[in-house]
Amino acid sequence: MILTREDIKKCISNRDLVISPFDEDNMGPCDINLCISRKYACIKHAEKDLDLYAETINEKEFINNGYFTIEEDKEYVIQPSEHLLIESLEYLEVPTYLTALIGLRSTFSRLGLSTPPTLVDPGFKGTLVFHLIGSSFSIKLYEGMAIFKVIFMSISSDTDGYSGKYQGQKGIILPRKDQNWTLYK
């Protein structure tokens, strides 16, 4: 079941769901618009292949080998077909009986921007990191723009909740090595 505006407000007032800062003006009938921060990472076109079996996969290697650059600015331009990871301004704490989907607001989809489907796990705590893909033309973005929306859904039963490698993230956290990458080696 997708939560309505009133359901979301009730979860927030009960302190089950934390969104900070929270602006009621950013609420839709069944979603909340979230704003982008000044922190972002550009996913680059690197010359070197990324070997997911390599033992040294870490943030420093990603940057040193030219896969990512981490930036911070109040305004920035997303180039055509460029991929960015952008931090939310808002910090969230999702209860273990809810999950959420991240999507683009319609206005930004109509500009040609896109984002892959992303799930926020039950029990997640931290700022969100959005993946934004550029349009066919450059678009200037500004800190505080409400570009993304989050749709909350109840799950069929309460769960232990998320305890993974991005729990409690603040800032841009680049991909962290996943044990499943080498599961079938």
N, C-alpha and C. Protein backbone atom coordinates (compact mmCIF):
# COMPACT_ATOMS: atom_id res chain seq x y z
N MET A 1 0.84 -1.18 0.00
CA MET A 1 0.00 0.00 0.00
C MET A 1 0.89 1.25 0.00
N ILE A 2 0.58 2.17 -0.87
CA ILE A 2 1.29 3.45 -0.93
C ILE A 2 0.69 4.40 0.10
N LEU A 3 1.54 5.06 0.86
CA LEU A 3 1.07 5.98 1.88
C LEU A 3 0.61 7.30 1.25
N THR A 4 -0.47 7.83 1.77
CA THR A 4 -0.97 9.13 1.34
C THR A 4 -0.26 10.22 2.13
N ARG A 5 -0.52 11.43 1.73
CA ARG A 5 0.03 12.61 2.44
C ARG A 5 -0.29 12.53 3.93
N GLU A 6 -1.54 12.20 4.27
CA GLU A 6 -1.95 12.12 5.68
C GLU A 6 -1.24 10.98 6.41
N ASP A 7 -1.06 9.85 5.73
CA ASP A 7 -0.33 8.72 6.34
C ASP A 7 1.11 9.12 6.65
N ILE A 8 1.74 9.80 5.69
CA ILE A 8 3.14 10.22 5.87
C ILE A 8 3.25 11.21 7.03
N LYS A 9 2.33 12.19 7.06
CA LYS A 9 2.35 13.17 8.15
C LYS A 9 2.16 12.49 9.50
N LYS A 10 1.31 11.47 9.55
CA LYS A 10 1.09 10.74 10.80
C LYS A 10 2.37 10.01 11.23
N CYS A 11 3.06 9.37 10.29
CA CYS A 11 4.31 8.68 10.60
C CYS A 11 5.36 9.66 11.11
N ILE A 12 5.38 10.85 10.54
CA ILE A 12 6.34 11.87 10.97
C ILE A 12 5.98 12.38 12.36
N SER A 13 4.69 12.66 12.58
CA SER A 13 4.29 13.18 13.89
C SER A 13 4.48 12.14 14.99
N ASN A 14 4.36 10.84 14.66
CA ASN A 14 4.61 9.76 15.64
C ASN A 14 6.10 9.51 15.83
N ARG A 15 6.93 10.19 15.03
CA ARG A 15 8.39 10.04 15.04
C ARG A 15 8.84 8.65 14.58
N ASP A 16 7.97 7.95 13.84
CA ASP A 16 8.36 6.68 13.21
C ASP A 16 9.23 6.96 12.00
N LEU A 17 8.87 7.99 11.25
CA LEU A 17 9.58 8.40 10.05
C LEU A 17 10.23 9.75 10.33
N VAL A 18 11.52 9.85 10.07
CA VAL A 18 12.24 11.11 10.27
C VAL A 18 12.67 11.63 8.91
N ILE A 19 12.33 12.88 8.64
CA ILE A 19 12.82 13.60 7.47
C ILE A 19 13.25 14.97 7.97
N SER A 20 14.55 15.25 7.89
CA SER A 20 15.06 16.49 8.44
C SER A 20 16.07 17.12 7.49
N PRO A 21 15.83 18.36 7.08
CA PRO A 21 14.68 19.19 7.42
C PRO A 21 13.43 18.72 6.67
N PHE A 22 12.30 18.97 7.29
CA PHE A 22 11.01 18.60 6.71
C PHE A 22 10.25 19.86 6.34
N ASP A 23 9.78 19.93 5.11
CA ASP A 23 8.99 21.07 4.62
C ASP A 23 7.69 20.53 4.07
N GLU A 24 6.60 20.78 4.77
CA GLU A 24 5.29 20.28 4.36
C GLU A 24 4.90 20.74 2.96
N ASP A 25 5.43 21.88 2.52
CA ASP A 25 5.16 22.36 1.16
C ASP A 25 5.72 21.44 0.08
N ASN A 26 6.65 20.56 0.45
CA ASN A 26 7.23 19.62 -0.51
C ASN A 26 6.44 18.32 -0.62
N MET A 27 5.29 18.26 0.04
CA MET A 27 4.47 17.05 -0.01
C MET A 27 3.49 17.10 -1.17
N GLY A 28 3.33 15.94 -1.81
CA GLY A 28 2.30 15.75 -2.81
C GLY A 28 1.20 14.88 -2.20
N PRO A 29 0.25 14.44 -3.02
CA PRO A 29 -0.84 13.61 -2.49
C PRO A 29 -0.35 12.28 -1.89
N CYS A 30 0.76 11.75 -2.42
CA CYS A 30 1.27 10.47 -1.91
C CYS A 30 2.80 10.39 -2.03
N ASP A 31 3.46 11.53 -1.87
CA ASP A 31 4.92 11.54 -1.97
C ASP A 31 5.48 12.78 -1.30
N ILE A 32 6.80 12.80 -1.18
CA ILE A 32 7.51 13.97 -0.67
C ILE A 32 8.63 14.29 -1.65
N ASN A 33 8.71 15.55 -2.06
CA ASN A 33 9.81 15.99 -2.91
C ASN A 33 11.03 16.23 -2.03
N LEU A 34 12.17 15.72 -2.49
CA LEU A 34 13.42 15.91 -1.76
C LEU A 34 14.36 16.79 -2.57
N CYS A 35 15.16 17.53 -1.86
CA CYS A 35 16.05 18.52 -2.48
C CYS A 35 17.47 17.99 -2.61
N ILE A 36 18.17 18.53 -3.60
CA ILE A 36 19.56 18.14 -3.80
C ILE A 36 20.48 19.08 -3.00
N SER A 37 21.59 18.51 -2.56
CA SER A 37 22.57 19.30 -1.82
C SER A 37 23.63 19.82 -2.79
N ARG A 38 24.64 20.40 -2.25
CA ARG A 38 25.75 20.92 -3.05
C ARG A 38 26.79 19.84 -3.31
N LYS A 39 26.62 18.64 -2.73
CA LYS A 39 27.61 17.57 -2.86
C LYS A 39 27.19 16.60 -3.96
N TYR A 40 28.12 16.32 -4.87
CA TYR A 40 27.83 15.39 -5.95
C TYR A 40 29.12 14.75 -6.45
N ALA A 41 28.96 13.65 -7.15
CA ALA A 41 30.09 12.96 -7.77
C ALA A 41 29.76 12.75 -9.24
N CYS A 42 30.73 13.01 -10.10
CA CYS A 42 30.58 12.75 -11.53
C CYS A 42 31.13 11.36 -11.82
N ILE A 43 30.33 10.56 -12.51
CA ILE A 43 30.80 9.26 -12.97
C ILE A 43 31.45 9.51 -14.32
N LYS A 44 32.74 9.21 -14.41
CA LYS A 44 33.54 9.60 -15.58
C LYS A 44 33.66 8.46 -16.60
N HIS A 45 34.08 8.81 -17.80
CA HIS A 45 34.43 7.85 -18.84
C HIS A 45 35.91 7.54 -18.67
N ALA A 46 36.22 6.49 -17.91
CA ALA A 46 37.61 6.14 -17.62
C ALA A 46 38.18 5.25 -18.72
N GLU A 47 39.47 5.38 -18.93
CA GLU A 47 40.17 4.58 -19.94
C GLU A 47 40.41 3.15 -19.44
N LYS A 48 40.57 3.00 -18.15
CA LYS A 48 40.92 1.71 -17.55
C LYS A 48 39.65 0.93 -17.19
N ASP A 49 39.65 -0.38 -17.51
CA ASP A 49 38.52 -1.24 -17.13
C ASP A 49 38.46 -1.35 -15.61
N LEU A 50 37.27 -1.38 -15.07
CA LEU A 50 37.08 -1.60 -13.64
C LEU A 50 36.91 -3.10 -13.42
N ASP A 51 37.82 -3.70 -12.68
CA ASP A 51 37.77 -5.13 -12.38
C ASP A 51 37.09 -5.31 -11.02
N LEU A 52 35.87 -5.83 -11.05
CA LEU A 52 35.11 -5.99 -9.81
C LEU A 52 35.68 -7.08 -8.92
N TYR A 53 36.56 -7.94 -9.45
CA TYR A 53 37.21 -8.96 -8.62
C TYR A 53 38.47 -8.43 -7.95
N ALA A 54 38.93 -7.25 -8.31
CA ALA A 54 40.16 -6.71 -7.73
C ALA A 54 39.99 -6.52 -6.23
N GLU A 55 41.06 -6.77 -5.52
CA GLU A 55 41.03 -6.66 -4.06
C GLU A 55 41.04 -5.21 -3.59
N THR A 56 41.47 -4.28 -4.45
CA THR A 56 41.70 -2.90 -4.02
C THR A 56 40.57 -1.95 -4.40
N ILE A 57 39.36 -2.47 -4.58
CA ILE A 57 38.25 -1.57 -4.92
C ILE A 57 37.89 -0.75 -3.68
N ASN A 58 38.11 0.55 -3.77
CA ASN A 58 37.75 1.46 -2.68
C ASN A 58 37.64 2.87 -3.26
N GLU A 59 37.17 3.78 -2.44
CA GLU A 59 36.92 5.16 -2.90
C GLU A 59 38.19 5.80 -3.47
N LYS A 60 39.31 5.61 -2.81
CA LYS A 60 40.56 6.21 -3.27
C LYS A 60 40.92 5.70 -4.67
N GLU A 61 40.78 4.40 -4.89
CA GLU A 61 41.08 3.81 -6.20
C GLU A 61 40.11 4.33 -7.27
N PHE A 62 38.84 4.46 -6.92
CA PHE A 62 37.85 4.99 -7.88
C PHE A 62 38.26 6.37 -8.37
N ILE A 63 38.72 7.21 -7.44
CA ILE A 63 39.10 8.59 -7.79
C ILE A 63 40.45 8.61 -8.51
N ASN A 64 41.43 7.90 -7.97
CA ASN A 64 42.77 7.88 -8.58
C ASN A 64 42.78 7.32 -9.99
N ASN A 65 41.89 6.36 -10.27
CA ASN A 65 41.84 5.74 -11.60
C ASN A 65 40.87 6.46 -12.54
N GLY A 66 40.29 7.56 -12.11
CA GLY A 66 39.48 8.39 -12.98
C GLY A 66 38.06 7.92 -13.22
N TYR A 67 37.52 7.05 -12.35
CA TYR A 67 36.14 6.60 -12.51
C TYR A 67 35.15 7.64 -11.98
N PHE A 68 35.55 8.38 -10.96
CA PHE A 68 34.69 9.37 -10.31
C PHE A 68 35.50 10.62 -9.97
N THR A 69 34.82 11.76 -9.92
CA THR A 69 35.35 12.95 -9.25
C THR A 69 34.28 13.38 -8.25
N ILE A 70 34.70 13.82 -7.10
CA ILE A 70 33.75 14.31 -6.09
C ILE A 70 33.82 15.82 -6.08
N GLU A 71 32.66 16.46 -6.16
CA GLU A 71 32.57 17.91 -6.28
C GLU A 71 31.65 18.47 -5.20
N GLU A 72 31.72 19.78 -5.02
CA GLU A 72 30.81 20.47 -4.11
C GLU A 72 30.64 21.90 -4.60
N ASP A 73 29.40 22.29 -4.91
CA ASP A 73 29.12 23.65 -5.36
C ASP A 73 27.63 23.93 -5.23
N LYS A 74 27.27 25.19 -5.02
CA LYS A 74 25.87 25.58 -4.90
C LYS A 74 25.12 25.46 -6.22
N GLU A 75 25.86 25.51 -7.32
CA GLU A 75 25.26 25.34 -8.64
C GLU A 75 26.22 24.56 -9.52
N TYR A 76 25.65 23.73 -10.37
CA TYR A 76 26.47 22.94 -11.27
C TYR A 76 25.65 22.56 -12.50
N VAL A 77 26.36 22.20 -13.55
CA VAL A 77 25.71 21.88 -14.82
C VAL A 77 25.87 20.40 -15.08
N ILE A 78 24.75 19.73 -15.33
CA ILE A 78 24.80 18.34 -15.75
C ILE A 78 24.83 18.33 -17.27
N GLN A 79 25.88 17.74 -17.81
CA GLN A 79 26.10 17.71 -19.26
C GLN A 79 25.22 16.63 -19.91
N PRO A 80 25.04 16.69 -21.22
CA PRO A 80 24.27 15.66 -21.91
C PRO A 80 24.80 14.26 -21.61
N SER A 81 23.90 13.39 -21.23
CA SER A 81 24.17 11.97 -20.92
C SER A 81 25.15 11.75 -19.77
N GLU A 82 25.51 12.81 -19.05
CA GLU A 82 26.39 12.67 -17.90
C GLU A 82 25.65 11.98 -16.75
N HIS A 83 26.40 11.22 -15.95
CA HIS A 83 25.84 10.55 -14.78
C HIS A 83 26.39 11.21 -13.53
N LEU A 84 25.50 11.60 -12.63
CA LEU A 84 25.90 12.20 -11.35
C LEU A 84 25.31 11.40 -10.21
N LEU A 85 26.03 11.35 -9.10
CA LEU A 85 25.49 10.91 -7.82
C LEU A 85 25.34 12.18 -7.01
N ILE A 86 24.13 12.44 -6.51
CA ILE A 86 23.85 13.69 -5.80
C ILE A 86 23.26 13.36 -4.43
N GLU A 87 23.79 14.01 -3.41
CA GLU A 87 23.28 13.80 -2.05
C GLU A 87 22.00 14.61 -1.82
N SER A 88 21.09 14.04 -1.05
CA SER A 88 19.89 14.78 -0.64
C SER A 88 20.26 15.76 0.47
N LEU A 89 19.52 16.86 0.53
CA LEU A 89 19.66 17.78 1.66
C LEU A 89 19.09 17.13 2.92
N GLU A 90 18.06 16.33 2.73
CA GLU A 90 17.32 15.74 3.84
C GLU A 90 17.99 14.47 4.37
N TYR A 91 17.94 14.33 5.68
CA TYR A 91 18.34 13.11 6.37
C TYR A 91 17.05 12.34 6.64
N LEU A 92 17.08 11.02 6.39
CA LEU A 92 15.90 10.19 6.60
C LEU A 92 16.18 9.06 7.57
N GLU A 93 15.17 8.70 8.33
CA GLU A 93 15.16 7.46 9.11
C GLU A 93 13.84 6.79 8.78
N VAL A 94 13.93 5.65 8.09
CA VAL A 94 12.74 4.93 7.62
C VAL A 94 12.45 3.80 8.60
N PRO A 95 11.21 3.70 9.10
CA PRO A 95 10.90 2.60 10.02
C PRO A 95 10.94 1.25 9.30
N THR A 96 11.02 0.19 10.07
CA THR A 96 11.16 -1.15 9.48
C THR A 96 9.85 -1.68 8.89
N TYR A 97 8.77 -0.95 9.01
CA TYR A 97 7.52 -1.39 8.37
C TYR A 97 7.23 -0.63 7.07
N LEU A 98 8.18 0.22 6.64
CA LEU A 98 8.03 0.97 5.39
C LEU A 98 9.24 0.75 4.48
N THR A 99 9.01 0.92 3.20
CA THR A 99 10.06 1.01 2.21
C THR A 99 9.71 2.21 1.33
N ALA A 100 10.60 2.61 0.47
CA ALA A 100 10.30 3.78 -0.37
C ALA A 100 10.95 3.62 -1.74
N LEU A 101 10.33 4.23 -2.73
CA LEU A 101 10.88 4.30 -4.08
C LEU A 101 11.26 5.74 -4.37
N ILE A 102 12.40 5.91 -5.05
CA ILE A 102 12.86 7.24 -5.46
C ILE A 102 12.56 7.40 -6.94
N GLY A 103 11.99 8.53 -7.30
CA GLY A 103 11.74 8.85 -8.70
C GLY A 103 12.01 10.33 -8.94
N LEU A 104 11.98 10.70 -10.21
CA LEU A 104 12.12 12.11 -10.58
C LEU A 104 10.75 12.78 -10.56
N ARG A 105 10.75 14.04 -10.22
CA ARG A 105 9.53 14.82 -10.39
C ARG A 105 9.27 14.95 -11.89
N SER A 106 8.03 15.00 -12.27
CA SER A 106 7.61 15.02 -13.67
C SER A 106 8.28 16.13 -14.47
N THR A 107 8.39 17.32 -13.89
CA THR A 107 9.00 18.45 -14.59
C THR A 107 10.41 18.11 -15.07
N PHE A 108 11.18 17.42 -14.24
CA PHE A 108 12.56 17.11 -14.59
C PHE A 108 12.64 15.95 -15.58
N SER A 109 11.70 15.01 -15.50
CA SER A 109 11.62 13.96 -16.53
C SER A 109 11.30 14.57 -17.89
N ARG A 110 10.44 15.57 -17.89
CA ARG A 110 10.04 16.23 -19.14
C ARG A 110 11.19 17.04 -19.75
N LEU A 111 12.21 17.33 -18.93
CA LEU A 111 13.42 17.99 -19.45
C LEU A 111 14.40 16.97 -20.02
N GLY A 112 14.07 15.69 -19.91
CA GLY A 112 14.94 14.64 -20.45
C GLY A 112 15.88 14.02 -19.43
N LEU A 113 15.84 14.51 -18.19
CA LEU A 113 16.66 13.89 -17.15
C LEU A 113 16.05 12.54 -16.80
N SER A 114 16.86 11.64 -16.27
CA SER A 114 16.32 10.34 -15.85
C SER A 114 17.09 9.84 -14.64
N THR A 115 16.48 8.88 -13.97
CA THR A 115 17.09 8.23 -12.81
C THR A 115 16.66 6.77 -12.83
N PRO A 116 17.56 5.86 -12.47
CA PRO A 116 17.15 4.46 -12.41
C PRO A 116 16.24 4.23 -11.21
N PRO A 117 15.39 3.20 -11.28
CA PRO A 117 14.54 2.89 -10.12
C PRO A 117 15.43 2.58 -8.91
N THR A 118 15.12 3.17 -7.78
CA THR A 118 15.93 2.98 -6.58
C THR A 118 15.00 2.73 -5.39
N LEU A 119 15.33 1.72 -4.61
CA LEU A 119 14.57 1.36 -3.42
C LEU A 119 15.30 1.83 -2.18
N VAL A 120 14.56 2.43 -1.25
CA VAL A 120 15.10 2.76 0.07
C VAL A 120 14.63 1.64 1.00
N ASP A 121 15.57 0.93 1.58
CA ASP A 121 15.24 -0.24 2.41
C ASP A 121 14.58 0.15 3.72
N PRO A 122 13.71 -0.75 4.24
CA PRO A 122 13.18 -0.55 5.59
C PRO A 122 14.34 -0.43 6.57
N GLY A 123 14.23 0.49 7.50
CA GLY A 123 15.26 0.67 8.52
C GLY A 123 16.45 1.51 8.09
N PHE A 124 16.45 2.04 6.85
CA PHE A 124 17.57 2.88 6.39
C PHE A 124 17.61 4.17 7.18
N LYS A 125 18.85 4.61 7.50
CA LYS A 125 19.08 5.90 8.15
C LYS A 125 20.23 6.59 7.42
N GLY A 126 20.04 7.84 7.06
CA GLY A 126 21.10 8.61 6.43
C GLY A 126 20.56 9.55 5.38
N THR A 127 21.48 10.24 4.71
CA THR A 127 21.08 11.04 3.55
C THR A 127 21.02 10.09 2.36
N LEU A 128 20.18 10.41 1.41
CA LEU A 128 20.07 9.58 0.21
C LEU A 128 21.08 10.05 -0.82
N VAL A 129 21.51 9.14 -1.67
CA VAL A 129 22.36 9.49 -2.80
C VAL A 129 21.60 9.11 -4.06
N PHE A 130 21.23 10.13 -4.82
CA PHE A 130 20.46 9.95 -6.04
C PHE A 130 21.39 9.77 -7.23
N HIS A 131 20.96 8.97 -8.20
CA HIS A 131 21.69 8.83 -9.46
C HIS A 131 20.88 9.59 -10.51
N LEU A 132 21.48 10.60 -11.10
CA LEU A 132 20.81 11.44 -12.10
C LEU A 132 21.56 11.34 -13.42
N ILE A 133 20.82 11.12 -14.51
CA ILE A 133 21.40 11.00 -15.85
C ILE A 133 20.96 12.20 -16.67
N GLY A 134 21.93 12.84 -17.31
CA GLY A 134 21.68 14.06 -18.07
C GLY A 134 20.79 13.87 -19.28
N SER A 135 20.22 14.97 -19.72
CA SER A 135 19.34 15.04 -20.88
C SER A 135 20.18 15.10 -22.16
N SER A 136 19.57 15.53 -23.25
CA SER A 136 20.33 15.70 -24.50
C SER A 136 20.92 17.11 -24.58
N PHE A 137 20.66 17.94 -23.57
CA PHE A 137 21.24 19.28 -23.49
C PHE A 137 21.66 19.54 -22.05
N SER A 138 22.56 20.47 -21.85
CA SER A 138 23.05 20.81 -20.51
C SER A 138 21.96 21.48 -19.69
N ILE A 139 21.93 21.18 -18.39
CA ILE A 139 20.95 21.78 -17.49
C ILE A 139 21.67 22.23 -16.23
N LYS A 140 21.44 23.47 -15.82
CA LYS A 140 22.05 24.00 -14.61
C LYS A 140 21.17 23.63 -13.41
N LEU A 141 21.80 23.04 -12.41
CA LEU A 141 21.12 22.63 -11.18
C LEU A 141 21.62 23.49 -10.03
N TYR A 142 20.77 23.66 -9.03
CA TYR A 142 21.11 24.48 -7.87
C TYR A 142 20.82 23.73 -6.58
N GLU A 143 21.70 23.94 -5.61
CA GLU A 143 21.46 23.38 -4.28
C GLU A 143 20.07 23.80 -3.81
N GLY A 144 19.32 22.87 -3.24
CA GLY A 144 17.99 23.16 -2.73
C GLY A 144 16.86 22.90 -3.71
N MET A 145 17.18 22.58 -4.97
CA MET A 145 16.11 22.25 -5.94
C MET A 145 15.47 20.92 -5.54
N ALA A 146 14.15 20.89 -5.55
CA ALA A 146 13.41 19.66 -5.27
C ALA A 146 13.23 18.90 -6.59
N ILE A 147 14.18 18.03 -6.89
CA ILE A 147 14.20 17.31 -8.16
C ILE A 147 13.61 15.91 -8.03
N PHE A 148 13.82 15.28 -6.89
CA PHE A 148 13.41 13.89 -6.69
C PHE A 148 12.18 13.82 -5.80
N LYS A 149 11.45 12.71 -5.93
CA LYS A 149 10.33 12.44 -5.05
C LYS A 149 10.52 11.07 -4.43
N VAL A 150 10.01 10.91 -3.22
CA VAL A 150 10.05 9.64 -2.52
C VAL A 150 8.61 9.21 -2.25
N ILE A 151 8.32 7.98 -2.62
CA ILE A 151 6.99 7.38 -2.41
C ILE A 151 7.16 6.29 -1.36
N PHE A 152 6.46 6.42 -0.24
CA PHE A 152 6.57 5.45 0.85
C PHE A 152 5.48 4.39 0.71
N MET A 153 5.86 3.16 1.01
CA MET A 153 4.93 2.03 0.93
C MET A 153 5.08 1.18 2.19
N SER A 154 3.95 0.66 2.67
CA SER A 154 4.03 -0.26 3.79
C SER A 154 4.37 -1.64 3.24
N ILE A 155 5.08 -2.42 4.05
CA ILE A 155 5.42 -3.79 3.65
C ILE A 155 4.54 -4.76 4.41
N SER A 156 4.47 -6.00 3.94
CA SER A 156 3.49 -6.96 4.48
C SER A 156 3.74 -7.33 5.93
N SER A 157 4.98 -7.26 6.39
CA SER A 157 5.27 -7.52 7.80
C SER A 157 6.54 -6.77 8.19
N ASP A 158 6.62 -6.46 9.48
CA ASP A 158 7.79 -5.76 9.99
C ASP A 158 9.03 -6.63 9.76
N THR A 159 10.17 -6.01 9.55
CA THR A 159 11.41 -6.73 9.26
C THR A 159 12.53 -6.19 10.14
N ASP A 160 13.67 -6.88 10.13
CA ASP A 160 14.82 -6.43 10.91
C ASP A 160 15.34 -5.09 10.41
N GLY A 161 15.20 -4.84 9.14
CA GLY A 161 15.65 -3.56 8.59
C GLY A 161 17.07 -3.62 8.05
N TYR A 162 17.39 -2.58 7.31
CA TYR A 162 18.66 -2.45 6.63
C TYR A 162 19.80 -2.27 7.62
N SER A 163 20.90 -3.00 7.38
CA SER A 163 22.10 -2.83 8.20
C SER A 163 23.34 -2.91 7.32
N GLY A 164 23.20 -2.50 6.07
CA GLY A 164 24.27 -2.64 5.09
C GLY A 164 25.32 -1.55 5.15
N LYS A 165 26.15 -1.56 4.12
CA LYS A 165 27.35 -0.73 4.07
C LYS A 165 27.08 0.76 3.88
N TYR A 166 25.84 1.15 3.55
CA TYR A 166 25.53 2.58 3.38
C TYR A 166 24.67 3.12 4.53
N GLN A 167 24.44 2.30 5.55
CA GLN A 167 23.65 2.75 6.70
C GLN A 167 24.36 3.92 7.38
N GLY A 168 23.61 4.98 7.65
CA GLY A 168 24.16 6.15 8.32
C GLY A 168 24.97 7.07 7.43
N GLN A 169 24.89 6.87 6.10
CA GLN A 169 25.73 7.68 5.21
C GLN A 169 25.37 9.16 5.28
N LYS A 170 26.40 9.96 5.20
CA LYS A 170 26.28 11.41 5.06
C LYS A 170 27.33 11.80 4.05
N GLY A 171 26.95 12.56 3.05
CA GLY A 171 27.87 12.89 1.98
C GLY A 171 27.77 11.86 0.87
N ILE A 172 28.62 12.02 -0.12
CA ILE A 172 28.64 11.11 -1.25
C ILE A 172 29.50 9.90 -0.87
N ILE A 173 28.89 8.76 -0.81
CA ILE A 173 29.60 7.52 -0.57
C ILE A 173 29.65 6.79 -1.91
N LEU A 174 30.86 6.57 -2.42
CA LEU A 174 31.02 5.87 -3.69
C LEU A 174 30.75 4.38 -3.47
N PRO A 175 30.57 3.62 -4.56
CA PRO A 175 30.27 2.19 -4.39
C PRO A 175 31.30 1.50 -3.50
N ARG A 176 30.80 0.63 -2.67
CA ARG A 176 31.68 -0.16 -1.82
C ARG A 176 31.65 -1.59 -2.30
N LYS A 177 32.78 -2.26 -2.18
CA LYS A 177 32.91 -3.63 -2.65
C LYS A 177 31.78 -4.49 -2.08
N ASP A 178 31.23 -5.32 -2.93
CA ASP A 178 30.11 -6.16 -2.57
C ASP A 178 30.56 -7.61 -2.60
N GLN A 179 30.31 -8.34 -1.53
CA GLN A 179 30.73 -9.75 -1.49
C GLN A 179 30.10 -10.57 -2.60
N ASN A 180 28.94 -10.17 -3.10
CA ASN A 180 28.28 -10.92 -4.17
C ASN A 180 29.00 -10.76 -5.51
N TRP A 181 29.87 -9.77 -5.65
CA TRP A 181 30.63 -9.61 -6.89
C TRP A 181 31.52 -10.82 -7.11
N THR A 182 32.03 -11.41 -6.06
CA THR A 182 32.97 -12.53 -6.20
C THR A 182 32.34 -13.86 -5.79
N LEU A 183 31.06 -13.91 -5.61
CA LEU A 183 30.36 -15.11 -5.16
C LEU A 183 30.58 -16.29 -6.09
N TYR A 184 30.60 -16.04 -7.39
CA TYR A 184 30.67 -17.13 -8.36
C TYR A 184 32.02 -17.22 -9.06
N LYS A 185 33.03 -16.65 -8.49
CA LYS A 185 34.36 -16.68 -9.11
C LYS A 185 34.95 -18.08 -9.07
